[in-house]
Amino acid sequence: EFRVTGDHDRFKWTAGLYYFNEDEFVENRAVLNSVLVGGA
């Protein structure tokens, strides 16, 4: 993030730029019992 601010007596201001980058890996394994689907 980059910011610049100013203070001019009755007027105060701020402005800026923001950048975000993310790489994510997600794995979800549900090991089941086959009895749930009518198996052994």
Full PDB file with SEQRES, HELIX, SHEET, SSBOND, CRYST1, ORIGX, SCALE, CONECT and MASTER records, all heavy atoms in Angstrom:
SEQRES   1 A   40  GLU PHE ARG VAL THR GLY ASP HIS ASP ARG PHE LYS TRP          
SEQRES   2 A   40  THR ALA GLY LEU TYR TYR PHE ASN GLU ASP GLU PHE VAL          
SEQRES   3 A   40  GLU ASN ARG ALA VAL LEU ASN SER VAL LEU VAL GLY GLY          
SEQRES   4 A   40  ALA                                                          
HELIX    1 AA1 SER A   34  VAL A   37  5                                   4    
SHEET    1 AA1 2 PHE A   2  HIS A   8  0                                        
SHEET    2 AA1 2 PHE A  11  LEU A  17 -1                                        
CRYST1    1.000    1.000    1.000  90.00  90.00  90.00 P 1           1          
ORIGX1      1.000000  0.000000  0.000000        0.00000                         
ORIGX2      0.000000  1.000000  0.000000        0.00000                         
ORIGX3      0.000000  0.000000  1.000000        0.00000                         
SCALE1      1.000000  0.000000  0.000000        0.00000                         
SCALE2      0.000000  1.000000  0.000000        0.00000                         
SCALE3      0.000000  0.000000  1.000000        0.00000                         
ATOM      1  N   GLU A   1       0.840  -1.197   0.000  1.00  0.00           N  
ATOM      2  CA  GLU A   1       0.000   0.000   0.000  1.00  0.00           C  
ATOM      3  C   GLU A   1       0.872   1.242   0.000  1.00  0.00           C  
ATOM      4  O   GLU A   1       1.887   1.308   0.705  1.00  0.00           O  
ATOM      5  CB  GLU A   1      -0.930   0.005   1.227  1.00  0.00           C  
ATOM      6  CG  GLU A   1      -1.901   1.180   1.229  1.00  0.00           C  
ATOM      7  CD  GLU A   1      -2.998   1.039   2.282  1.00  0.00           C  
ATOM      8  OE1 GLU A   1      -3.774   0.079   2.172  1.00  0.00           O  
ATOM      9  OE2 GLU A   1      -3.052   1.860   3.200  1.00  0.00           O  
ATOM     10  N   PHE A   2       0.493   2.192  -0.808  1.00  0.00           N  
ATOM     11  CA  PHE A   2       1.192   3.480  -0.887  1.00  0.00           C  
ATOM     12  C   PHE A   2       0.198   4.580  -0.549  1.00  0.00           C  
ATOM     13  O   PHE A   2      -0.891   4.621  -1.121  1.00  0.00           O  
ATOM     14  CB  PHE A   2       1.755   3.694  -2.296  1.00  0.00           C  
ATOM     15  CG  PHE A   2       2.295   5.077  -2.520  1.00  0.00           C  
ATOM     16  CD1 PHE A   2       3.544   5.436  -2.030  1.00  0.00           C  
ATOM     17  CD2 PHE A   2       1.557   6.014  -3.230  1.00  0.00           C  
ATOM     18  CE1 PHE A   2       4.047   6.710  -2.241  1.00  0.00           C  
ATOM     19  CE2 PHE A   2       2.045   7.298  -3.441  1.00  0.00           C  
ATOM     20  CZ  PHE A   2       3.299   7.646  -2.950  1.00  0.00           C  
ATOM     21  N   ARG A   3       0.557   5.452   0.362  1.00  0.00           N  
ATOM     22  CA  ARG A   3      -0.334   6.533   0.770  1.00  0.00           C  
ATOM     23  C   ARG A   3       0.370   7.877   0.724  1.00  0.00           C  
ATOM     24  O   ARG A   3       1.565   7.970   0.999  1.00  0.00           O  
ATOM     25  CB  ARG A   3      -0.840   6.310   2.201  1.00  0.00           C  
ATOM     26  CG  ARG A   3      -1.882   5.226   2.337  1.00  0.00           C  
ATOM     27  CD  ARG A   3      -2.557   5.306   3.690  1.00  0.00           C  
ATOM     28  NE  ARG A   3      -3.544   4.258   3.867  1.00  0.00           N  
ATOM     29  CZ  ARG A   3      -4.444   4.244   4.849  1.00  0.00           C  
ATOM     30  NH1 ARG A   3      -4.445   5.229   5.737  1.00  0.00           N  
ATOM     31  NH2 ARG A   3      -5.317   3.269   4.950  1.00  0.00           N  
ATOM     32  N   VAL A   4      -0.391   8.914   0.434  1.00  0.00           N  
ATOM     33  CA  VAL A   4       0.089  10.281   0.534  1.00  0.00           C  
ATOM     34  C   VAL A   4      -1.012  11.088   1.227  1.00  0.00           C  
ATOM     35  O   VAL A   4      -2.202  10.875   0.969  1.00  0.00           O  
ATOM     36  CB  VAL A   4       0.427  10.868  -0.865  1.00  0.00           C  
ATOM     37  CG1 VAL A   4      -0.777  10.807  -1.788  1.00  0.00           C  
ATOM     38  CG2 VAL A   4       0.938  12.293  -0.741  1.00  0.00           C  
ATOM     39  N   THR A   5      -0.618  11.950   2.144  1.00  0.00           N  
ATOM     40  CA  THR A   5      -1.591  12.734   2.902  1.00  0.00           C  
ATOM     41  C   THR A   5      -1.221  14.205   2.860  1.00  0.00           C  
ATOM     42  O   THR A   5      -0.062  14.579   2.621  1.00  0.00           O  
ATOM     43  CB  THR A   5      -1.650  12.285   4.380  1.00  0.00           C  
ATOM     44  OG1 THR A   5      -0.367  12.525   4.984  1.00  0.00           O  
ATOM     45  CG2 THR A   5      -1.987  10.803   4.483  1.00  0.00           C  
ATOM     46  N   GLY A   6      -2.223  15.035   3.091  1.00  0.00           N  
ATOM     47  CA  GLY A   6      -2.006  16.479   3.112  1.00  0.00           C  
ATOM     48  C   GLY A   6      -2.846  17.149   4.177  1.00  0.00           C  
ATOM     49  O   GLY A   6      -3.937  16.668   4.511  1.00  0.00           O  
ATOM     50  N   ASP A   7      -2.337  18.248   4.705  1.00  0.00           N  
ATOM     51  CA  ASP A   7      -3.037  19.016   5.741  1.00  0.00           C  
ATOM     52  C   ASP A   7      -2.890  20.492   5.398  1.00  0.00           C  
ATOM     53  O   ASP A   7      -1.794  21.054   5.475  1.00  0.00           O  
ATOM     54  CB  ASP A   7      -2.430  18.705   7.118  1.00  0.00           C  
ATOM     55  CG  ASP A   7      -3.234  19.314   8.253  1.00  0.00           C  
ATOM     56  OD1 ASP A   7      -4.043  20.227   7.986  1.00  0.00           O  
ATOM     57  OD2 ASP A   7      -3.058  18.877   9.403  1.00  0.00           O  
ATOM     58  N   HIS A   8      -3.999  21.109   4.972  1.00  0.00           N  
ATOM     59  CA  HIS A   8      -3.976  22.497   4.533  1.00  0.00           C  
ATOM     60  C   HIS A   8      -5.004  23.299   5.336  1.00  0.00           C  
ATOM     61  O   HIS A   8      -6.069  23.645   4.831  1.00  0.00           O  
ATOM     62  CB  HIS A   8      -4.266  22.597   3.033  1.00  0.00           C  
ATOM     63  CG  HIS A   8      -3.459  21.647   2.202  1.00  0.00           C  
ATOM     64  ND1 HIS A   8      -2.150  21.885   1.855  1.00  0.00           N  
ATOM     65  CD2 HIS A   8      -3.769  20.439   1.662  1.00  0.00           C  
ATOM     66  CE1 HIS A   8      -1.688  20.883   1.117  1.00  0.00           C  
ATOM     67  NE2 HIS A   8      -2.660  19.989   0.998  1.00  0.00           N  
ATOM     68  N   ASP A   9      -4.688  23.533   6.586  1.00  0.00           N  
ATOM     69  CA  ASP A   9      -5.556  24.303   7.473  1.00  0.00           C  
ATOM     70  C   ASP A   9      -6.924  23.640   7.579  1.00  0.00           C  
ATOM     71  O   ASP A   9      -7.080  22.649   8.289  1.00  0.00           O  
ATOM     72  CB  ASP A   9      -5.665  25.749   6.985  1.00  0.00           C  
ATOM     73  CG  ASP A   9      -6.324  26.660   8.009  1.00  0.00           C  
ATOM     74  OD1 ASP A   9      -6.331  26.277   9.202  1.00  0.00           O  
ATOM     75  OD2 ASP A   9      -6.835  27.724   7.631  1.00  0.00           O  
ATOM     76  N   ARG A  10      -7.918  24.109   6.837  1.00  0.00           N  
ATOM     77  CA  ARG A  10      -9.273  23.566   6.962  1.00  0.00           C  
ATOM     78  C   ARG A  10      -9.490  22.304   6.122  1.00  0.00           C  
ATOM     79  O   ARG A  10     -10.526  21.650   6.241  1.00  0.00           O  
ATOM     80  CB  ARG A  10     -10.303  24.617   6.540  1.00  0.00           C  
ATOM     81  CG  ARG A  10     -10.452  25.751   7.547  1.00  0.00           C  
ATOM     82  CD  ARG A  10     -11.558  26.706   7.123  1.00  0.00           C  
ATOM     83  NE  ARG A  10     -11.816  27.713   8.146  1.00  0.00           N  
ATOM     84  CZ  ARG A  10     -12.679  27.558   9.142  1.00  0.00           C  
ATOM     85  NH1 ARG A  10     -13.365  26.432   9.240  1.00  0.00           N  
ATOM     86  NH2 ARG A  10     -12.855  28.504  10.033  1.00  0.00           N  
ATOM     87  N   PHE A  11      -8.550  21.960   5.264  1.00  0.00           N  
ATOM     88  CA  PHE A  11      -8.736  20.809   4.377  1.00  0.00           C  
ATOM     89  C   PHE A  11      -7.656  19.767   4.634  1.00  0.00           C  
ATOM     90  O   PHE A  11      -6.462  20.056   4.562  1.00  0.00           O  
ATOM     91  CB  PHE A  11      -8.684  21.271   2.916  1.00  0.00           C  
ATOM     92  CG  PHE A  11      -8.883  20.154   1.932  1.00  0.00           C  
ATOM     93  CD1 PHE A  11     -10.025  19.363   1.971  1.00  0.00           C  
ATOM     94  CD2 PHE A  11      -7.930  19.896   0.957  1.00  0.00           C  
ATOM     95  CE1 PHE A  11     -10.216  18.341   1.056  1.00  0.00           C  
ATOM     96  CE2 PHE A  11      -8.113  18.871   0.032  1.00  0.00           C  
ATOM     97  CZ  PHE A  11      -9.262  18.095   0.086  1.00  0.00           C  
ATOM     98  N   LYS A  12      -8.099  18.546   4.942  1.00  0.00           N  
ATOM     99  CA  LYS A  12      -7.181  17.423   5.162  1.00  0.00           C  
ATOM    100  C   LYS A  12      -7.573  16.296   4.206  1.00  0.00           C  
ATOM    101  O   LYS A  12      -8.757  16.042   3.994  1.00  0.00           O  
ATOM    102  CB  LYS A  12      -7.253  16.929   6.612  1.00  0.00           C  
ATOM    103  CG  LYS A  12      -6.895  17.974   7.651  1.00  0.00           C  
ATOM    104  CD  LYS A  12      -7.059  17.432   9.062  1.00  0.00           C  
ATOM    105  CE  LYS A  12      -6.662  18.452  10.107  1.00  0.00           C  
ATOM    106  NZ  LYS A  12      -7.510  19.672  10.044  1.00  0.00           N  
ATOM    107  N   TRP A  13      -6.581  15.635   3.633  1.00  0.00           N  
ATOM    108  CA  TRP A  13      -6.882  14.613   2.640  1.00  0.00           C  
ATOM    109  C   TRP A  13      -5.867  13.487   2.689  1.00  0.00           C  
ATOM    110  O   TRP A  13      -4.759  13.634   3.214  1.00  0.00           O  
ATOM    111  CB  TRP A  13      -6.924  15.224   1.238  1.00  0.00           C  
ATOM    112  CG  TRP A  13      -5.631  15.895   0.829  1.00  0.00           C  
ATOM    113  CD1 TRP A  13      -5.271  17.184   1.072  1.00  0.00           C  
ATOM    114  CD2 TRP A  13      -4.529  15.287   0.148  1.00  0.00           C  
ATOM    115  NE1 TRP A  13      -4.017  17.429   0.574  1.00  0.00           N  
ATOM    116  CE2 TRP A  13      -3.536  16.286  -0.006  1.00  0.00           C  
ATOM    117  CE3 TRP A  13      -4.295  14.015  -0.356  1.00  0.00           C  
ATOM    118  CZ2 TRP A  13      -2.324  16.025  -0.635  1.00  0.00           C  
ATOM    119  CZ3 TRP A  13      -3.086  13.754  -0.995  1.00  0.00           C  
ATOM    120  CH2 TRP A  13      -2.130  14.756  -1.133  1.00  0.00           C  
ATOM    121  N   THR A  14      -6.281  12.350   2.130  1.00  0.00           N  
ATOM    122  CA  THR A  14      -5.388  11.214   1.960  1.00  0.00           C  
ATOM    123  C   THR A  14      -5.785  10.481   0.686  1.00  0.00           C  
ATOM    124  O   THR A  14      -6.960  10.465   0.302  1.00  0.00           O  
ATOM    125  CB  THR A  14      -5.449  10.261   3.170  1.00  0.00           C  
ATOM    126  OG1 THR A  14      -4.504   9.210   3.009  1.00  0.00           O  
ATOM    127  CG2 THR A  14      -6.835   9.651   3.319  1.00  0.00           C  
ATOM    128  N   ALA A  15      -4.800   9.904   0.012  1.00  0.00           N  
ATOM    129  CA  ALA A  15      -5.051   9.140  -1.208  1.00  0.00           C  
ATOM    130  C   ALA A  15      -4.042   8.007  -1.269  1.00  0.00           C  
ATOM    131  O   ALA A  15      -2.978   8.069  -0.636  1.00  0.00           O  
ATOM    132  CB  ALA A  15      -4.945  10.028  -2.446  1.00  0.00           C  
ATOM    133  N   GLY A  16      -4.367   6.968  -2.033  1.00  0.00           N  
ATOM    134  CA  GLY A  16      -3.427   5.865  -2.069  1.00  0.00           C  
ATOM    135  C   GLY A  16      -3.781   4.790  -3.068  1.00  0.00           C  
ATOM    136  O   GLY A  16      -4.833   4.820  -3.723  1.00  0.00           O  
ATOM    137  N   LEU A  17      -2.862   3.824  -3.163  1.00  0.00           N  
ATOM    138  CA  LEU A  17      -3.009   2.656  -4.017  1.00  0.00           C  
ATOM    139  C   LEU A  17      -2.768   1.405  -3.182  1.00  0.00           C  
ATOM    140  O   LEU A  17      -1.943   1.421  -2.260  1.00  0.00           O  
ATOM    141  CB  LEU A  17      -2.006   2.691  -5.168  1.00  0.00           C  
ATOM    142  CG  LEU A  17      -2.077   3.892  -6.108  1.00  0.00           C  
ATOM    143  CD1 LEU A  17      -0.883   3.892  -7.052  1.00  0.00           C  
ATOM    144  CD2 LEU A  17      -3.380   3.891  -6.897  1.00  0.00           C  
ATOM    145  N   TYR A  18      -3.476   0.326  -3.516  1.00  0.00           N  
ATOM    146  CA  TYR A  18      -3.361  -0.924  -2.763  1.00  0.00           C  
ATOM    147  C   TYR A  18      -3.277  -2.086  -3.748  1.00  0.00           C  
ATOM    148  O   TYR A  18      -3.952  -2.089  -4.789  1.00  0.00           O  
ATOM    149  CB  TYR A  18      -4.573  -1.109  -1.844  1.00  0.00           C  
ATOM    150  CG  TYR A  18      -4.593  -2.430  -1.111  1.00  0.00           C  
ATOM    151  CD1 TYR A  18      -3.808  -2.642   0.019  1.00  0.00           C  
ATOM    152  CD2 TYR A  18      -5.412  -3.470  -1.550  1.00  0.00           C  
ATOM    153  CE1 TYR A  18      -3.831  -3.858   0.681  1.00  0.00           C  
ATOM    154  CE2 TYR A  18      -5.443  -4.687  -0.887  1.00  0.00           C  
ATOM    155  CZ  TYR A  18      -4.647  -4.879   0.228  1.00  0.00           C  
ATOM    156  OH  TYR A  18      -4.664  -6.072   0.877  1.00  0.00           O  
ATOM    157  N   TYR A  19      -2.464  -3.098  -3.401  1.00  0.00           N  
ATOM    158  CA  TYR A  19      -2.344  -4.286  -4.237  1.00  0.00           C  
ATOM    159  C   TYR A  19      -2.243  -5.511  -3.338  1.00  0.00           C  
ATOM    160  O   TYR A  19      -1.574  -5.494  -2.304  1.00  0.00           O  
ATOM    161  CB  TYR A  19      -1.106  -4.216  -5.130  1.00  0.00           C  
ATOM    162  CG  TYR A  19      -0.875  -5.484  -5.920  1.00  0.00           C  
ATOM    163  CD1 TYR A  19      -1.697  -5.818  -6.994  1.00  0.00           C  
ATOM    164  CD2 TYR A  19       0.144  -6.365  -5.576  1.00  0.00           C  
ATOM    165  CE1 TYR A  19      -1.508  -6.999  -7.709  1.00  0.00           C  
ATOM    166  CE2 TYR A  19       0.352  -7.545  -6.286  1.00  0.00           C  
ATOM    167  CZ  TYR A  19      -0.481  -7.852  -7.349  1.00  0.00           C  
ATOM    168  OH  TYR A  19      -0.291  -9.020  -8.037  1.00  0.00           O  
ATOM    169  N   PHE A  20      -2.917  -6.599  -3.762  1.00  0.00           N  
ATOM    170  CA  PHE A  20      -2.907  -7.851  -3.004  1.00  0.00           C  
ATOM    171  C   PHE A  20      -2.849  -9.018  -3.979  1.00  0.00           C  
ATOM    172  O   PHE A  20      -3.555  -9.035  -4.993  1.00  0.00           O  
ATOM    173  CB  PHE A  20      -4.163  -7.955  -2.139  1.00  0.00           C  
ATOM    174  CG  PHE A  20      -4.311  -9.267  -1.414  1.00  0.00           C  
ATOM    175  CD1 PHE A  20      -3.655  -9.496  -0.213  1.00  0.00           C  
ATOM    176  CD2 PHE A  20      -5.108 -10.276  -1.939  1.00  0.00           C  
ATOM    177  CE1 PHE A  20      -3.793 -10.706   0.450  1.00  0.00           C  
ATOM    178  CE2 PHE A  20      -5.256 -11.487  -1.281  1.00  0.00           C  
ATOM    179  CZ  PHE A  20      -4.587 -11.701  -0.081  1.00  0.00           C  
ATOM    180  N   ASN A  21      -2.015 -10.001  -3.679  1.00  0.00           N  
ATOM    181  CA  ASN A  21      -1.888 -11.201  -4.499  1.00  0.00           C  
ATOM    182  C   ASN A  21      -1.810 -12.418  -3.589  1.00  0.00           C  
ATOM    183  O   ASN A  21      -1.082 -12.413  -2.596  1.00  0.00           O  
ATOM    184  CB  ASN A  21      -0.638 -11.122  -5.381  1.00  0.00           C  
ATOM    185  CG  ASN A  21      -0.349 -12.435  -6.080  1.00  0.00           C  
ATOM    186  OD1 ASN A  21       0.384 -13.279  -5.566  1.00  0.00           O  
ATOM    187  ND2 ASN A  21      -0.932 -12.625  -7.250  1.00  0.00           N  
ATOM    188  N   GLU A  22      -2.577 -13.463  -3.913  1.00  0.00           N  
ATOM    189  CA  GLU A  22      -2.547 -14.679  -3.101  1.00  0.00           C  
ATOM    190  C   GLU A  22      -2.628 -15.908  -3.999  1.00  0.00           C  
ATOM    191  O   GLU A  22      -3.421 -15.961  -4.943  1.00  0.00           O  
ATOM    192  CB  GLU A  22      -3.710 -14.706  -2.108  1.00  0.00           C  
ATOM    193  CG  GLU A  22      -3.702 -15.943  -1.214  1.00  0.00           C  
ATOM    194  CD  GLU A  22      -4.880 -15.987  -0.255  1.00  0.00           C  
ATOM    195  OE1 GLU A  22      -5.987 -15.562  -0.651  1.00  0.00           O  
ATOM    196  OE2 GLU A  22      -4.696 -16.450   0.883  1.00  0.00           O  
ATOM    197  N   ASP A  23      -1.791 -16.896  -3.685  1.00  0.00           N  
ATOM    198  CA  ASP A  23      -1.873 -18.232  -4.278  1.00  0.00           C  
ATOM    199  C   ASP A  23      -2.258 -19.200  -3.175  1.00  0.00           C  
ATOM    200  O   ASP A  23      -1.617 -19.229  -2.114  1.00  0.00           O  
ATOM    201  CB  ASP A  23      -0.532 -18.653  -4.879  1.00  0.00           C  
ATOM    202  CG  ASP A  23      -0.218 -17.883  -6.150  1.00  0.00           C  
ATOM    203  OD1 ASP A  23      -1.151 -17.337  -6.753  1.00  0.00           O  
ATOM    204  OD2 ASP A  23       0.964 -17.821  -6.530  1.00  0.00           O  
ATOM    205  N   GLU A  24      -3.297 -19.990  -3.428  1.00  0.00           N  
ATOM    206  CA  GLU A  24      -3.814 -20.868  -2.373  1.00  0.00           C  
ATOM    207  C   GLU A  24      -4.143 -22.244  -2.953  1.00  0.00           C  
ATOM    208  O   GLU A  24      -4.703 -22.353  -4.050  1.00  0.00           O  
ATOM    209  CB  GLU A  24      -5.063 -20.250  -1.758  1.00  0.00           C  
ATOM    210  CG  GLU A  24      -5.633 -21.018  -0.578  1.00  0.00           C  
ATOM    211  CD  GLU A  24      -6.803 -20.294   0.054  1.00  0.00           C  
ATOM    212  OE1 GLU A  24      -7.306 -19.332  -0.549  1.00  0.00           O  
ATOM    213  OE2 GLU A  24      -7.221 -20.705   1.149  1.00  0.00           O  
ATOM    214  N   PHE A  25      -3.782 -23.280  -2.218  1.00  0.00           N  
ATOM    215  CA  PHE A  25      -4.164 -24.643  -2.565  1.00  0.00           C  
ATOM    216  C   PHE A  25      -4.981 -25.217  -1.424  1.00  0.00           C  
ATOM    217  O   PHE A  25      -4.589 -25.127  -0.260  1.00  0.00           O  
ATOM    218  CB  PHE A  25      -2.934 -25.521  -2.811  1.00  0.00           C  
ATOM    219  CG  PHE A  25      -3.297 -26.966  -3.048  1.00  0.00           C  
ATOM    220  CD1 PHE A  25      -3.783 -27.377  -4.279  1.00  0.00           C  
ATOM    221  CD2 PHE A  25      -3.173 -27.911  -2.026  1.00  0.00           C  
ATOM    222  CE1 PHE A  25      -4.136 -28.711  -4.499  1.00  0.00           C  
ATOM    223  CE2 PHE A  25      -3.521 -29.240  -2.240  1.00  0.00           C  
ATOM    224  CZ  PHE A  25      -3.997 -29.637  -3.481  1.00  0.00           C  
ATOM    225  N   VAL A  26      -6.115 -25.804  -1.765  1.00  0.00           N  
ATOM    226  CA  VAL A  26      -7.006 -26.389  -0.763  1.00  0.00           C  
ATOM    227  C   VAL A  26      -7.364 -27.805  -1.188  1.00  0.00           C  
ATOM    228  O   VAL A  26      -7.736 -28.051  -2.337  1.00  0.00           O  
ATOM    229  CB  VAL A  26      -8.293 -25.549  -0.603  1.00  0.00           C  
ATOM    230  CG1 VAL A  26      -9.192 -26.173   0.450  1.00  0.00           C  
ATOM    231  CG2 VAL A  26      -7.963 -24.121  -0.228  1.00  0.00           C  
ATOM    232  N   GLU A  27      -7.244 -28.734  -0.244  1.00  0.00           N  
ATOM    233  CA  GLU A  27      -7.605 -30.131  -0.496  1.00  0.00           C  
ATOM    234  C   GLU A  27      -8.480 -30.626   0.653  1.00  0.00           C  
ATOM    235  O   GLU A  27      -8.147 -30.454   1.824  1.00  0.00           O  
ATOM    236  CB  GLU A  27      -6.351 -30.999  -0.605  1.00  0.00           C  
ATOM    237  CG  GLU A  27      -6.655 -32.472  -0.786  1.00  0.00           C  
ATOM    238  CD  GLU A  27      -5.421 -33.338  -0.640  1.00  0.00           C  
ATOM    239  OE1 GLU A  27      -4.360 -32.809  -0.246  1.00  0.00           O  
ATOM    240  OE2 GLU A  27      -5.518 -34.550  -0.900  1.00  0.00           O  
ATOM    241  N   ASN A  28      -9.597 -31.209   0.306  1.00  0.00           N  
ATOM    242  CA  ASN A  28     -10.541 -31.716   1.305  1.00  0.00           C  
ATOM    243  C   ASN A  28     -10.881 -33.161   0.935  1.00  0.00           C  
ATOM    244  O   ASN A  28     -11.516 -33.403  -0.087  1.00  0.00           O  
ATOM    245  CB  ASN A  28     -11.799 -30.839   1.318  1.00  0.00           C  
ATOM    246  CG  ASN A  28     -12.703 -31.147   2.488  1.00  0.00           C  
ATOM    247  OD1 ASN A  28     -12.770 -32.276   2.949  1.00  0.00           O  
ATOM    248  ND2 ASN A  28     -13.415 -30.146   2.959  1.00  0.00           N  
ATOM    249  N   ARG A  29     -10.457 -34.119   1.775  1.00  0.00           N  
ATOM    250  CA  ARG A  29     -10.727 -35.535   1.531  1.00  0.00           C  
ATOM    251  C   ARG A  29     -11.640 -36.067   2.633  1.00  0.00           C  
ATOM    252  O   ARG A  29     -11.298 -35.984   3.806  1.00  0.00           O  
ATOM    253  CB  ARG A  29      -9.434 -36.337   1.500  1.00  0.00           C  
ATOM    254  CG  ARG A  29      -8.497 -36.020   0.340  1.00  0.00           C  
ATOM    255  CD  ARG A  29      -7.260 -36.875   0.449  1.00  0.00           C  
ATOM    256  NE  ARG A  29      -6.303 -36.611  -0.614  1.00  0.00           N  
ATOM    257  CZ  ARG A  29      -6.027 -37.469  -1.596  1.00  0.00           C  
ATOM    258  NH1 ARG A  29      -6.643 -38.635  -1.644  1.00  0.00           N  
ATOM    259  NH2 ARG A  29      -5.137 -37.172  -2.514  1.00  0.00           N  
ATOM    260  N   ALA A  30     -12.766 -36.630   2.234  1.00  0.00           N  
ATOM    261  CA  ALA A  30     -13.692 -37.251   3.179  1.00  0.00           C  
ATOM    262  C   ALA A  30     -13.645 -38.759   2.969  1.00  0.00           C  
ATOM    263  O   ALA A  30     -14.190 -39.280   1.988  1.00  0.00           O  
ATOM    264  CB  ALA A  30     -15.102 -36.721   2.985  1.00  0.00           C  
ATOM    265  N   VAL A  31     -12.956 -39.450   3.870  1.00  0.00           N  
ATOM    266  CA  VAL A  31     -12.875 -40.912   3.806  1.00  0.00           C  
ATOM    267  C   VAL A  31     -14.164 -41.467   4.402  1.00  0.00           C  
ATOM    268  O   VAL A  31     -14.500 -41.182   5.555  1.00  0.00           O  
ATOM    269  CB  VAL A  31     -11.637 -41.415   4.563  1.00  0.00           C  
ATOM    270  CG1 VAL A  31     -11.615 -42.932   4.588  1.00  0.00           C  
ATOM    271  CG2 VAL A  31     -10.367 -40.866   3.919  1.00  0.00           C  
ATOM    272  N   LEU A  32     -14.865 -42.266   3.615  1.00  0.00           N  
ATOM    273  CA  LEU A  32     -16.185 -42.753   4.034  1.00  0.00           C  
ATOM    274  C   LEU A  32     -16.158 -44.259   4.291  1.00  0.00           C  
ATOM    275  O   LEU A  32     -15.267 -44.972   3.850  1.00  0.00           O  
ATOM    276  CB  LEU A  32     -17.229 -42.443   2.962  1.00  0.00           C  
ATOM    277  CG  LEU A  32     -17.425 -40.987   2.583  1.00  0.00           C  
ATOM    278  CD1 LEU A  32     -18.490 -40.875   1.498  1.00  0.00           C  
ATOM    279  CD2 LEU A  32     -17.821 -40.165   3.798  1.00  0.00           C  
ATOM    280  N   ASN A  33     -17.178 -44.723   4.980  1.00  0.00           N  
ATOM    281  CA  ASN A  33     -17.429 -46.147   5.130  1.00  0.00           C  
ATOM    282  C   ASN A  33     -18.453 -46.526   4.064  1.00  0.00           C  
ATOM    283  O   ASN A  33     -19.506 -45.891   3.947  1.00  0.00           O  
ATOM    284  CB  ASN A  33     -17.970 -46.454   6.525  1.00  0.00           C  
ATOM    285  CG  ASN A  33     -17.905 -47.925   6.850  1.00  0.00           C  
ATOM    286  OD1 ASN A  33     -18.362 -48.760   6.072  1.00  0.00           O  
ATOM    287  ND2 ASN A  33     -17.342 -48.242   8.014  1.00  0.00           N  
ATOM    288  N   SER A  34     -18.155 -47.557   3.287  1.00  0.00           N  
ATOM    289  CA  SER A  34     -19.046 -47.901   2.176  1.00  0.00           C  
ATOM    290  C   SER A  34     -20.415 -48.373   2.652  1.00  0.00           C  
ATOM    291  O   SER A  34     -21.353 -48.472   1.853  1.00  0.00           O  
ATOM    292  CB  SER A  34     -18.405 -48.962   1.279  1.00  0.00           C  
ATOM    293  OG  SER A  34     -18.145 -50.146   2.011  1.00  0.00           O  
ATOM    294  N   VAL A  35     -20.563 -48.640   3.966  1.00  0.00           N  
ATOM    295  CA  VAL A  35     -21.876 -49.009   4.477  1.00  0.00           C  
ATOM    296  C   VAL A  35     -22.868 -47.863   4.273  1.00  0.00           C  
ATOM    297  O   VAL A  35     -24.086 -48.077   4.202  1.00  0.00           O  
ATOM    298  CB  VAL A  35     -21.774 -49.404   5.970  1.00  0.00           C  
ATOM    299  CG1 VAL A  35     -21.530 -48.170   6.839  1.00  0.00           C  
ATOM    300  CG2 VAL A  35     -23.034 -50.136   6.429  1.00  0.00           C  
ATOM    301  N   LEU A  36     -22.353 -46.627   4.161  1.00  0.00           N  
ATOM    302  CA  LEU A  36     -23.228 -45.465   3.962  1.00  0.00           C  
ATOM    303  C   LEU A  36     -23.942 -45.508   2.619  1.00  0.00           C  
ATOM    304  O   LEU A  36     -24.982 -44.869   2.441  1.00  0.00           O  
ATOM    305  CB  LEU A  36     -22.415 -44.174   4.074  1.00  0.00           C  
ATOM    306  CG  LEU A  36     -21.799 -43.870   5.452  1.00  0.00           C  
ATOM    307  CD1 LEU A  36     -20.898 -42.660   5.378  1.00  0.00           C  
ATOM    308  CD2 LEU A  36     -22.895 -43.655   6.489  1.00  0.00           C  
ATOM    309  N   VAL A  37     -23.368 -46.258   1.658  1.00  0.00           N  
ATOM    310  CA  VAL A  37     -23.999 -46.358   0.339  1.00  0.00           C  
ATOM    311  C   VAL A  37     -24.437 -47.787   0.049  1.00  0.00           C  
ATOM    312  O   VAL A  37     -24.544 -48.203  -1.104  1.00  0.00           O  
ATOM    313  CB  VAL A  37     -23.031 -45.849  -0.757  1.00  0.00           C  
ATOM    314  CG1 VAL A  37     -22.819 -44.358  -0.637  1.00  0.00           C  
ATOM    315  CG2 VAL A  37     -21.701 -46.589  -0.694  1.00  0.00           C  
ATOM    316  N   GLY A  38     -24.668 -48.544   1.142  1.00  0.00           N  
ATOM    317  CA  GLY A  38     -25.191 -49.894   0.992  1.00  0.00           C  
ATOM    318  C   GLY A  38     -24.155 -50.963   0.752  1.00  0.00           C  
ATOM    319  O   GLY A  38     -24.503 -52.098   0.396  1.00  0.00           O  
ATOM    320  N   GLY A  39     -22.865 -50.644   0.982  1.00  0.00           N  
ATOM    321  CA  GLY A  39     -21.810 -51.612   0.772  1.00  0.00           C  
ATOM    322  C   GLY A  39     -21.398 -52.282   2.063  1.00  0.00           C  
ATOM    323  O   GLY A  39     -22.094 -52.237   3.084  1.00  0.00           O  
ATOM    324  N   ALA A  40     -20.224 -52.933   2.012  1.00  0.00           N  
ATOM    325  CA  ALA A  40     -19.686 -53.601   3.193  1.00  0.00           C  
ATOM    326  C   ALA A  40     -19.186 -52.577   4.201  1.00  0.00           C  
ATOM    327  O   ALA A  40     -18.960 -51.411   3.881  1.00  0.00           O  
ATOM    328  CB  ALA A  40     -18.550 -54.550   2.772  1.00  0.00           C  
TER     329      ALA A  40                                                      
MASTER        0    0    0    1    2    0    0    6  328    1    0    4          
END                                                                             
